[in-house]
């Protein structure tokens, strides 16, 4: 089952890289596909101990490419899915922890993804300044040095 899920992720990722705009594929579609397959596989298998840690790794993959709007959409969608699974009591963790423990883990993951989101926004602004040349060759009064 795990091998089939890994092969499915690889096939879909290769297809997305070939067919979709590069920034959209790298920042939204690849983490989203990986997240959905991982979440569904986890729910079918009865949960895993490291669900939220793996989720943060998937978010880190999306944050690497620093396209703020695509990454923001992925974060909103993934947290909505996680909350839906928690509300429906679909197991994401292999033990049967209390609801407050699951929500505490989700809150930690939410704050971490907010940090990733702020970092992505900062890097997006810096890279757009570098591409346009604004702010690096000018002195504070607007004249070249």
Protein backbone atom coordinates (compact mmCIF):
# COMPACT_ATOMS: atom_id res chain seq x y z
CA UNK A 1 0.00 0.00 0.00
CA UNK A 2 2.77 2.42 0.95
CA UNK A 3 4.74 1.62 -2.20
CA UNK A 4 1.66 2.17 -4.37
CA UNK A 5 1.01 5.55 -2.70
CA UNK A 6 4.65 6.60 -3.23
CA UNK A 7 4.49 5.62 -6.90
CA UNK A 8 1.22 7.49 -7.31
CA UNK A 9 2.74 10.64 -5.78
CA UNK A 10 5.78 10.38 -8.08
CA UNK A 11 3.65 9.94 -11.20
CA UNK A 12 1.37 12.87 -10.32
CA UNK A 13 4.31 15.12 -9.39
CA UNK A 14 6.10 14.40 -12.68
CA UNK A 15 2.87 15.08 -14.59
CA UNK A 16 2.33 18.37 -12.74
CA UNK A 17 5.88 19.54 -13.36
CA UNK A 18 5.46 18.93 -17.08
CA UNK A 19 1.97 20.43 -17.50
CA UNK A 20 1.50 23.27 -15.02
CA UNK A 21 3.11 26.70 -14.65
CA UNK A 22 6.36 26.14 -12.75
CA UNK A 23 5.67 28.40 -9.77
CA UNK A 24 2.14 27.05 -9.32
CA UNK A 25 3.30 23.44 -9.58
CA UNK A 26 6.16 23.81 -7.16
CA UNK A 27 4.39 25.92 -4.54
CA UNK A 28 0.81 24.65 -4.58
CA UNK A 29 0.10 21.52 -6.59
CA UNK A 30 3.04 19.35 -5.54
CA UNK A 31 2.60 19.92 -1.78
CA UNK A 32 -1.20 19.69 -2.15
CA UNK A 33 -1.10 16.36 -3.98
CA UNK A 34 1.46 15.00 -1.52
CA UNK A 35 -0.63 16.27 1.41
CA UNK A 36 -3.91 14.78 0.14
CA UNK A 37 -2.42 11.38 -0.64
CA UNK A 38 -0.58 11.33 2.69
CA UNK A 39 -3.69 12.39 4.63
CA UNK A 40 -5.96 9.88 2.92
CA UNK A 41 -3.38 7.12 3.37
CA UNK A 42 -3.00 8.01 7.03
CA UNK A 43 -6.76 7.98 7.58
CA UNK A 44 -7.13 4.62 5.81
CA UNK A 45 -4.25 3.06 7.76
CA UNK A 46 -5.66 4.28 11.08
CA UNK A 47 -3.27 7.15 11.77
CA UNK A 48 0.42 7.69 12.27
CA UNK A 49 2.42 9.02 15.16
CA UNK A 50 4.18 11.68 13.12
CA UNK A 51 1.28 13.10 11.11
CA UNK A 52 1.77 16.77 12.01
CA UNK A 53 5.56 16.56 11.73
CA UNK A 54 5.23 15.13 8.22
CA UNK A 55 2.67 17.83 7.43
CA UNK A 56 5.20 20.49 8.44
CA UNK A 57 7.80 18.90 6.15
CA UNK A 58 5.30 19.06 3.27
CA UNK A 59 4.65 22.73 4.11
CA UNK A 60 8.38 23.35 4.17
CA UNK A 61 8.62 21.96 0.64
CA UNK A 62 6.00 24.45 -0.48
CA UNK A 63 7.68 27.32 1.39
CA UNK A 64 11.04 26.73 -0.28
CA UNK A 65 9.84 28.16 -3.58
CA UNK A 66 8.62 31.44 -2.06
CA UNK A 67 5.50 32.22 -4.06
CA UNK A 68 3.32 33.75 -1.41
CA UNK A 69 -0.16 33.57 -2.97
CA UNK A 70 0.11 29.92 -4.03
CA UNK A 71 1.60 28.92 -0.69
CA UNK A 72 -1.11 30.85 1.22
CA UNK A 73 -3.81 28.99 -0.72
CA UNK A 74 -2.18 25.66 0.09
CA UNK A 75 -1.99 26.51 3.81
CA UNK A 76 -5.65 27.55 3.97
CA UNK A 77 -6.82 24.46 2.08
CA UNK A 78 -4.71 22.03 4.10
CA UNK A 79 -5.79 23.44 7.46
CA UNK A 80 -9.42 23.29 6.38
CA UNK A 81 -8.98 19.61 5.48
CA UNK A 82 -7.23 18.85 8.77
CA UNK A 83 -9.99 20.56 10.77
CA UNK A 84 -12.60 18.66 8.77
CA UNK A 85 -10.88 15.36 9.62
CA UNK A 86 -10.61 16.34 13.29
CA UNK A 87 -14.29 17.35 13.44
CA UNK A 88 -15.34 14.09 11.77
CA UNK A 89 -13.11 12.14 14.21
CA UNK A 90 -11.22 10.51 11.35
CA UNK A 91 -8.00 9.18 12.89
CA UNK A 92 -4.84 11.02 11.88
CA UNK A 93 -2.79 9.91 14.87
CA UNK A 94 -2.23 6.20 15.53
CA UNK A 95 -3.09 6.34 19.19
CA UNK A 96 -6.48 7.52 20.37
CA UNK A 97 -5.51 10.78 22.07
CA UNK A 98 -7.96 13.16 23.56
CA UNK A 99 -9.40 15.87 21.36
CA UNK A 100 -7.48 18.53 23.30
CA UNK A 101 -4.19 16.77 22.47
CA UNK A 102 -5.04 16.67 18.78
CA UNK A 103 -6.06 20.33 18.82
CA UNK A 104 -2.85 21.25 20.67
CA UNK A 105 -0.81 19.50 17.96
CA UNK A 106 -2.85 21.27 15.28
CA UNK A 107 -2.33 24.67 16.93
CA UNK A 108 1.43 24.10 17.03
CA UNK A 109 1.34 23.13 13.35
CA UNK A 110 -0.81 26.20 12.56
CA UNK A 111 1.63 28.59 14.24
CA UNK A 112 4.54 26.95 12.46
CA UNK A 113 2.83 27.27 9.09
CA UNK A 114 2.06 30.94 9.86
CA UNK A 115 5.80 31.40 10.42
CA UNK A 116 6.47 29.65 7.09
CA UNK A 117 3.90 31.94 5.47
CA UNK A 118 5.53 35.10 6.86
CA UNK A 119 8.92 33.84 5.73
CA UNK A 120 7.53 33.13 2.27
CA UNK A 121 6.07 36.63 2.04
CA UNK A 122 9.36 38.20 3.11
CA UNK A 123 11.33 36.17 0.57
CA UNK A 124 8.81 36.91 -2.20
CA UNK A 125 9.18 40.64 -1.59
CA UNK A 126 12.98 40.41 -1.52
CA UNK A 127 13.12 38.38 -4.73
CA UNK A 128 10.81 40.83 -6.51
CA UNK A 129 13.08 43.70 -5.43
CA UNK A 130 16.11 41.84 -6.75
CA UNK A 131 14.38 41.14 -10.08
CA UNK A 132 13.36 44.77 -10.54
CA UNK A 133 16.54 46.27 -9.07
CA UNK A 134 14.64 48.48 -6.63
CA UNK A 135 16.09 49.26 -3.27
CA UNK A 136 19.59 47.88 -3.75
CA UNK A 137 21.37 50.41 -5.95
CA UNK A 138 19.78 53.53 -4.52
CA UNK A 139 20.71 55.49 -1.46
CA UNK A 140 17.98 56.48 1.02
CA UNK A 141 17.46 59.83 -0.72
CA UNK A 142 16.79 58.11 -4.08
CA UNK A 143 20.10 58.90 -5.79
CA UNK A 144 22.66 56.40 -6.97
CA UNK A 145 25.80 56.17 -4.82
